[in-house]
Amino acid sequence: MAIDSQGYLSGRVTSRARIATIAAATFVAGFGVAELTGVRALGGLVLVAGGAWCARDAVRVAGWWRSGALLAIALALFVISHPLGHAIGAWPAVAVSAALVAVAALLIVIPGGGGTPPIGGIRSIRSED
């Protein structure tokens, strides 16, 4: 939900929230498809499709740097979820990874942030006089 110009909640979902939701749902759906079908490649296809959708939308909102950072984090979480699954169980590991990728998306995908790298890209707060 977003807040409109009069301060009321609108029925519109923000791009950041949509990207975070789809990213998390992609992790859950990808694992679910792999589990239900027994074909890991189908789960991978779901992950690739969801990741491509999120990347395409994130580039429009926040630019290449931030989208690339989000994809790198998602890939790292995917890799980490496998050993984590051995420690805490498969579905809990997927839930943790999905929650973390959603938080990462909310923190990284910032509208208008396209030209600034996410690390070391501190903007000046001085006004241009």
N, C-alpha and C. Protein backbone atom coordinates (compact mmCIF):
# COMPACT_ATOMS: atom_id res chain seq x y z
N MET A 1 0.84 -1.17 0.00
CA MET A 1 0.00 0.00 0.00
C MET A 1 0.89 1.25 0.00
N ALA A 2 0.42 2.26 -0.62
CA ALA A 2 1.14 3.52 -0.69
C ALA A 2 0.27 4.62 -0.11
N ILE A 3 0.92 5.71 0.26
CA ILE A 3 0.19 6.86 0.78
C ILE A 3 0.10 7.88 -0.34
N ASP A 4 -1.12 8.35 -0.62
CA ASP A 4 -1.30 9.30 -1.71
C ASP A 4 -0.96 10.71 -1.24
N SER A 5 -1.15 11.70 -2.14
CA SER A 5 -0.76 13.08 -1.85
C SER A 5 -1.57 13.71 -0.71
N GLN A 6 -2.74 13.19 -0.41
CA GLN A 6 -3.54 13.70 0.70
C GLN A 6 -3.26 12.97 2.01
N GLY A 7 -2.37 12.00 2.00
CA GLY A 7 -2.01 11.28 3.21
C GLY A 7 -2.86 10.05 3.47
N TYR A 8 -3.69 9.65 2.49
CA TYR A 8 -4.52 8.46 2.65
C TYR A 8 -3.84 7.25 2.01
N LEU A 9 -4.14 6.08 2.55
CA LEU A 9 -3.64 4.87 1.93
C LEU A 9 -4.33 4.66 0.59
N SER A 10 -3.55 4.39 -0.42
CA SER A 10 -4.14 4.07 -1.71
C SER A 10 -4.10 2.57 -1.90
N GLY A 11 -4.87 2.07 -2.81
CA GLY A 11 -4.91 0.64 -3.07
C GLY A 11 -3.76 0.18 -3.93
N ARG A 12 -2.87 1.07 -4.26
CA ARG A 12 -1.75 0.79 -5.14
C ARG A 12 -0.57 0.22 -4.37
N VAL A 13 0.05 -0.80 -4.89
CA VAL A 13 1.25 -1.38 -4.28
C VAL A 13 2.46 -0.70 -4.89
N THR A 14 3.39 -0.29 -4.05
CA THR A 14 4.59 0.38 -4.56
C THR A 14 5.47 -0.61 -5.30
N SER A 15 6.30 -0.09 -6.17
CA SER A 15 7.23 -0.94 -6.93
C SER A 15 8.16 -1.70 -6.00
N ARG A 16 8.64 -1.02 -4.96
CA ARG A 16 9.55 -1.67 -4.01
C ARG A 16 8.87 -2.86 -3.34
N ALA A 17 7.64 -2.66 -2.89
CA ALA A 17 6.91 -3.75 -2.22
C ALA A 17 6.62 -4.89 -3.19
N ARG A 18 6.30 -4.55 -4.42
CA ARG A 18 6.01 -5.58 -5.42
C ARG A 18 7.25 -6.40 -5.72
N ILE A 19 8.39 -5.75 -5.87
CA ILE A 19 9.64 -6.45 -6.16
C ILE A 19 10.02 -7.35 -4.98
N ALA A 20 9.90 -6.84 -3.76
CA ALA A 20 10.22 -7.64 -2.58
C ALA A 20 9.31 -8.85 -2.45
N THR A 21 8.03 -8.65 -2.72
CA THR A 21 7.07 -9.75 -2.62
C THR A 21 7.33 -10.82 -3.67
N ILE A 22 7.57 -10.39 -4.91
CA ILE A 22 7.84 -11.35 -5.98
C ILE A 22 9.15 -12.08 -5.73
N ALA A 23 10.16 -11.37 -5.23
CA ALA A 23 11.44 -12.02 -4.95
C ALA A 23 11.28 -13.12 -3.91
N ALA A 24 10.57 -12.81 -2.83
CA ALA A 24 10.35 -13.82 -1.78
C ALA A 24 9.49 -14.97 -2.30
N ALA A 25 8.44 -14.64 -3.02
CA ALA A 25 7.55 -15.67 -3.55
C ALA A 25 8.27 -16.57 -4.55
N THR A 26 9.24 -16.00 -5.26
CA THR A 26 10.02 -16.78 -6.22
C THR A 26 10.82 -17.87 -5.52
N PHE A 27 11.42 -17.53 -4.38
CA PHE A 27 12.16 -18.54 -3.62
C PHE A 27 11.23 -19.66 -3.18
N VAL A 28 10.09 -19.31 -2.63
CA VAL A 28 9.14 -20.31 -2.13
C VAL A 28 8.58 -21.13 -3.29
N ALA A 29 8.17 -20.45 -4.35
CA ALA A 29 7.58 -21.16 -5.50
C ALA A 29 8.60 -22.06 -6.18
N GLY A 30 9.81 -21.58 -6.34
CA GLY A 30 10.85 -22.39 -6.98
C GLY A 30 11.11 -23.67 -6.21
N PHE A 31 11.24 -23.55 -4.89
CA PHE A 31 11.46 -24.75 -4.09
C PHE A 31 10.22 -25.64 -4.10
N GLY A 32 9.05 -25.03 -4.03
CA GLY A 32 7.81 -25.81 -4.05
C GLY A 32 7.65 -26.61 -5.33
N VAL A 33 7.94 -25.99 -6.45
CA VAL A 33 7.85 -26.69 -7.74
C VAL A 33 8.85 -27.83 -7.79
N ALA A 34 10.07 -27.59 -7.33
CA ALA A 34 11.09 -28.64 -7.33
C ALA A 34 10.67 -29.81 -6.43
N GLU A 35 10.11 -29.50 -5.28
CA GLU A 35 9.66 -30.55 -4.34
C GLU A 35 8.47 -31.33 -4.89
N LEU A 36 7.49 -30.61 -5.42
CA LEU A 36 6.27 -31.27 -5.89
C LEU A 36 6.48 -32.13 -7.12
N THR A 37 7.33 -31.66 -8.02
CA THR A 37 7.54 -32.40 -9.26
C THR A 37 8.70 -33.39 -9.17
N GLY A 38 9.60 -33.15 -8.23
CA GLY A 38 10.80 -33.98 -8.14
C GLY A 38 11.82 -33.61 -9.21
N VAL A 39 11.57 -32.56 -9.95
CA VAL A 39 12.48 -32.11 -11.02
C VAL A 39 13.08 -30.77 -10.59
N ARG A 40 14.33 -30.81 -10.15
CA ARG A 40 14.96 -29.59 -9.66
C ARG A 40 15.09 -28.52 -10.74
N ALA A 41 15.23 -28.96 -11.98
CA ALA A 41 15.37 -28.00 -13.08
C ALA A 41 14.12 -27.14 -13.24
N LEU A 42 12.95 -27.71 -12.97
CA LEU A 42 11.72 -26.91 -13.05
C LEU A 42 11.71 -25.84 -11.97
N GLY A 43 12.16 -26.20 -10.77
CA GLY A 43 12.28 -25.21 -9.71
C GLY A 43 13.27 -24.12 -10.09
N GLY A 44 14.37 -24.52 -10.73
CA GLY A 44 15.35 -23.55 -11.21
C GLY A 44 14.78 -22.62 -12.26
N LEU A 45 13.93 -23.17 -13.12
CA LEU A 45 13.27 -22.35 -14.13
C LEU A 45 12.38 -21.29 -13.49
N VAL A 46 11.67 -21.68 -12.44
CA VAL A 46 10.84 -20.72 -11.70
C VAL A 46 11.72 -19.63 -11.09
N LEU A 47 12.86 -20.02 -10.52
CA LEU A 47 13.78 -19.03 -9.94
C LEU A 47 14.32 -18.07 -10.99
N VAL A 48 14.69 -18.61 -12.15
CA VAL A 48 15.21 -17.75 -13.22
C VAL A 48 14.13 -16.79 -13.71
N ALA A 49 12.92 -17.29 -13.90
CA ALA A 49 11.83 -16.44 -14.38
C ALA A 49 11.51 -15.34 -13.37
N GLY A 50 11.40 -15.71 -12.10
CA GLY A 50 11.12 -14.70 -11.06
C GLY A 50 12.25 -13.72 -10.91
N GLY A 51 13.49 -14.21 -10.97
CA GLY A 51 14.64 -13.32 -10.88
C GLY A 51 14.71 -12.35 -12.05
N ALA A 52 14.39 -12.84 -13.24
CA ALA A 52 14.39 -11.96 -14.43
C ALA A 52 13.32 -10.89 -14.30
N TRP A 53 12.15 -11.28 -13.81
CA TRP A 53 11.07 -10.29 -13.64
C TRP A 53 11.49 -9.23 -12.63
N CYS A 54 12.04 -9.68 -11.49
CA CYS A 54 12.46 -8.72 -10.46
C CYS A 54 13.57 -7.80 -10.96
N ALA A 55 14.52 -8.38 -11.68
CA ALA A 55 15.62 -7.57 -12.21
C ALA A 55 15.11 -6.53 -13.20
N ARG A 56 14.22 -6.95 -14.09
CA ARG A 56 13.66 -6.01 -15.07
C ARG A 56 12.94 -4.87 -14.38
N ASP A 57 12.14 -5.19 -13.37
CA ASP A 57 11.39 -4.16 -12.66
C ASP A 57 12.32 -3.29 -11.82
N ALA A 58 13.31 -3.91 -11.18
CA ALA A 58 14.23 -3.16 -10.33
C ALA A 58 15.09 -2.19 -11.14
N VAL A 59 15.48 -2.59 -12.34
CA VAL A 59 16.27 -1.68 -13.19
C VAL A 59 15.47 -0.43 -13.50
N ARG A 60 14.20 -0.59 -13.77
CA ARG A 60 13.34 0.58 -14.05
C ARG A 60 13.24 1.51 -12.85
N VAL A 61 13.20 0.93 -11.66
CA VAL A 61 13.00 1.72 -10.45
C VAL A 61 14.31 2.30 -9.92
N ALA A 62 15.35 1.47 -9.86
CA ALA A 62 16.56 1.87 -9.14
C ALA A 62 17.84 1.84 -9.95
N GLY A 63 17.80 1.36 -11.17
CA GLY A 63 19.00 1.35 -11.99
C GLY A 63 19.77 0.04 -11.91
N TRP A 64 20.85 -0.02 -12.72
CA TRP A 64 21.62 -1.25 -12.89
C TRP A 64 22.40 -1.65 -11.65
N TRP A 65 23.04 -0.68 -10.97
CA TRP A 65 23.88 -1.01 -9.82
C TRP A 65 23.07 -1.71 -8.74
N ARG A 66 21.98 -1.12 -8.38
CA ARG A 66 21.18 -1.68 -7.28
C ARG A 66 20.52 -2.99 -7.70
N SER A 67 20.11 -3.09 -8.94
CA SER A 67 19.51 -4.34 -9.42
C SER A 67 20.54 -5.47 -9.42
N GLY A 68 21.75 -5.15 -9.86
CA GLY A 68 22.82 -6.13 -9.83
C GLY A 68 23.16 -6.57 -8.41
N ALA A 69 23.15 -5.62 -7.49
CA ALA A 69 23.42 -5.95 -6.08
C ALA A 69 22.33 -6.88 -5.54
N LEU A 70 21.08 -6.58 -5.88
CA LEU A 70 19.98 -7.43 -5.42
C LEU A 70 20.09 -8.84 -6.00
N LEU A 71 20.42 -8.95 -7.27
CA LEU A 71 20.58 -10.27 -7.87
C LEU A 71 21.74 -11.04 -7.23
N ALA A 72 22.84 -10.35 -6.92
CA ALA A 72 23.97 -11.01 -6.28
C ALA A 72 23.59 -11.51 -4.89
N ILE A 73 22.83 -10.71 -4.16
CA ILE A 73 22.38 -11.12 -2.83
C ILE A 73 21.43 -12.30 -2.94
N ALA A 74 20.52 -12.25 -3.90
CA ALA A 74 19.57 -13.37 -4.10
C ALA A 74 20.32 -14.65 -4.44
N LEU A 75 21.32 -14.55 -5.30
CA LEU A 75 22.11 -15.73 -5.66
C LEU A 75 22.87 -16.27 -4.44
N ALA A 76 23.45 -15.37 -3.65
CA ALA A 76 24.16 -15.80 -2.45
C ALA A 76 23.20 -16.47 -1.46
N LEU A 77 22.01 -15.93 -1.30
CA LEU A 77 21.02 -16.53 -0.40
C LEU A 77 20.58 -17.90 -0.91
N PHE A 78 20.45 -18.03 -2.22
CA PHE A 78 20.10 -19.32 -2.80
C PHE A 78 21.18 -20.36 -2.47
N VAL A 79 22.43 -19.98 -2.64
CA VAL A 79 23.53 -20.90 -2.36
C VAL A 79 23.58 -21.24 -0.87
N ILE A 80 23.45 -20.23 -0.01
CA ILE A 80 23.50 -20.43 1.44
C ILE A 80 22.32 -21.26 1.94
N SER A 81 21.18 -21.18 1.24
CA SER A 81 20.00 -21.92 1.70
C SER A 81 20.22 -23.44 1.67
N HIS A 82 21.11 -23.90 0.82
CA HIS A 82 21.34 -25.35 0.73
C HIS A 82 22.02 -25.92 1.99
N PRO A 83 23.16 -25.39 2.43
CA PRO A 83 23.71 -25.91 3.69
C PRO A 83 22.82 -25.57 4.89
N LEU A 84 22.16 -24.43 4.83
CA LEU A 84 21.24 -24.07 5.91
C LEU A 84 20.10 -25.09 6.00
N GLY A 85 19.68 -25.61 4.86
CA GLY A 85 18.63 -26.62 4.82
C GLY A 85 19.03 -27.89 5.55
N HIS A 86 20.31 -28.23 5.49
CA HIS A 86 20.80 -29.40 6.22
C HIS A 86 20.77 -29.16 7.72
N ALA A 87 20.96 -27.90 8.12
CA ALA A 87 21.02 -27.57 9.54
C ALA A 87 19.63 -27.41 10.17
N ILE A 88 18.71 -26.73 9.47
CA ILE A 88 17.41 -26.42 10.08
C ILE A 88 16.23 -27.03 9.35
N GLY A 89 16.47 -27.66 8.24
CA GLY A 89 15.38 -28.23 7.44
C GLY A 89 15.19 -27.42 6.18
N ALA A 90 14.66 -28.07 5.15
CA ALA A 90 14.55 -27.44 3.83
C ALA A 90 13.58 -26.27 3.83
N TRP A 91 12.35 -26.50 4.27
CA TRP A 91 11.36 -25.41 4.22
C TRP A 91 11.73 -24.24 5.12
N PRO A 92 12.21 -24.48 6.35
CA PRO A 92 12.65 -23.32 7.15
C PRO A 92 13.78 -22.53 6.47
N ALA A 93 14.70 -23.23 5.82
CA ALA A 93 15.80 -22.55 5.12
C ALA A 93 15.26 -21.70 3.98
N VAL A 94 14.27 -22.22 3.27
CA VAL A 94 13.66 -21.45 2.18
C VAL A 94 12.94 -20.23 2.76
N ALA A 95 12.25 -20.41 3.87
CA ALA A 95 11.54 -19.29 4.48
C ALA A 95 12.50 -18.19 4.93
N VAL A 96 13.61 -18.59 5.53
CA VAL A 96 14.62 -17.61 5.96
C VAL A 96 15.19 -16.88 4.75
N SER A 97 15.54 -17.63 3.72
CA SER A 97 16.10 -17.02 2.50
C SER A 97 15.10 -16.08 1.83
N ALA A 98 13.84 -16.50 1.78
CA ALA A 98 12.80 -15.66 1.17
C ALA A 98 12.63 -14.37 1.96
N ALA A 99 12.62 -14.47 3.27
CA ALA A 99 12.47 -13.27 4.10
C ALA A 99 13.66 -12.33 3.92
N LEU A 100 14.86 -12.89 3.87
CA LEU A 100 16.05 -12.05 3.71
C LEU A 100 16.12 -11.39 2.34
N VAL A 101 15.71 -12.10 1.30
CA VAL A 101 15.73 -11.48 -0.04
C VAL A 101 14.67 -10.37 -0.12
N ALA A 102 13.55 -10.54 0.58
CA ALA A 102 12.54 -9.49 0.59
C ALA A 102 13.06 -8.25 1.31
N VAL A 103 13.72 -8.44 2.44
CA VAL A 103 14.30 -7.31 3.17
C VAL A 103 15.38 -6.64 2.32
N ALA A 104 16.21 -7.43 1.68
CA ALA A 104 17.25 -6.86 0.81
C ALA A 104 16.63 -6.03 -0.30
N ALA A 105 15.57 -6.54 -0.89
CA ALA A 105 14.91 -5.79 -1.98
C ALA A 105 14.36 -4.46 -1.47
N LEU A 106 13.75 -4.49 -0.29
CA LEU A 106 13.21 -3.24 0.26
C LEU A 106 14.30 -2.23 0.58
N LEU A 107 15.46 -2.71 1.00
CA LEU A 107 16.55 -1.81 1.35
C LEU A 107 17.35 -1.32 0.15
N ILE A 108 17.44 -2.14 -0.88
CA ILE A 108 18.30 -1.81 -2.02
C ILE A 108 17.55 -1.10 -3.14
N VAL A 109 16.33 -1.51 -3.41
CA VAL A 109 15.59 -0.93 -4.54
C VAL A 109 14.95 0.37 -4.09
N ILE A 110 15.70 1.44 -4.33
CA ILE A 110 15.25 2.78 -3.93
C ILE A 110 15.02 3.59 -5.20
N PRO A 111 13.81 4.12 -5.38
CA PRO A 111 13.53 4.88 -6.60
C PRO A 111 14.52 6.02 -6.79
N GLY A 112 14.97 6.15 -8.02
CA GLY A 112 15.89 7.23 -8.37
C GLY A 112 17.33 6.94 -8.01
N GLY A 113 17.63 5.76 -7.53
CA GLY A 113 18.99 5.44 -7.11
C GLY A 113 19.84 4.85 -8.21
N GLY A 114 19.46 5.08 -9.46
CA GLY A 114 20.11 4.41 -10.57
C GLY A 114 21.55 4.74 -10.80
N GLY A 115 21.98 5.97 -10.54
CA GLY A 115 23.34 6.34 -10.88
C GLY A 115 24.35 6.10 -9.79
N THR A 116 23.93 5.76 -8.60
CA THR A 116 24.83 5.65 -7.48
C THR A 116 25.07 4.21 -7.10
N PRO A 117 26.33 3.77 -7.03
CA PRO A 117 26.59 2.42 -6.57
C PRO A 117 26.11 2.25 -5.13
N PRO A 118 25.60 1.08 -4.77
CA PRO A 118 25.05 0.90 -3.44
C PRO A 118 26.08 0.93 -2.33
N ILE A 119 27.35 0.60 -2.62
CA ILE A 119 28.38 0.59 -1.59
C ILE A 119 29.33 1.75 -1.86
N GLY A 120 29.51 2.60 -0.88
CA GLY A 120 30.41 3.72 -1.03
C GLY A 120 29.81 4.89 -1.79
N GLY A 121 28.55 4.82 -2.11
CA GLY A 121 27.90 5.88 -2.88
C GLY A 121 27.17 6.86 -2.00
N ILE A 122 27.89 7.49 -1.07
CA ILE A 122 27.27 8.42 -0.14
C ILE A 122 27.06 9.75 -0.86
N ARG A 123 25.83 10.19 -0.79
CA ARG A 123 25.52 11.47 -1.44
C ARG A 123 25.70 12.61 -0.46
N SER A 124 26.07 13.74 -0.97
CA SER A 124 26.25 14.91 -0.13
C SER A 124 24.89 15.45 0.28
N ILE A 125 24.83 15.97 1.51
CA ILE A 125 23.57 16.57 1.97
C ILE A 125 23.62 18.09 1.85
N ARG A 126 24.72 18.61 1.32
CA ARG A 126 24.83 20.05 1.14
C ARG A 126 23.89 20.50 0.03
N SER A 127 23.34 21.66 0.21
CA SER A 127 22.49 22.21 -0.86
C SER A 127 23.39 22.88 -1.89
N GLU A 128 22.97 22.84 -3.11
CA GLU A 128 23.70 23.48 -4.20
C GLU A 128 23.29 24.94 -4.25
N ASP A 129 24.14 25.84 -3.79
CA ASP A 129 23.81 27.28 -3.79
C ASP A 129 24.28 27.95 -5.03
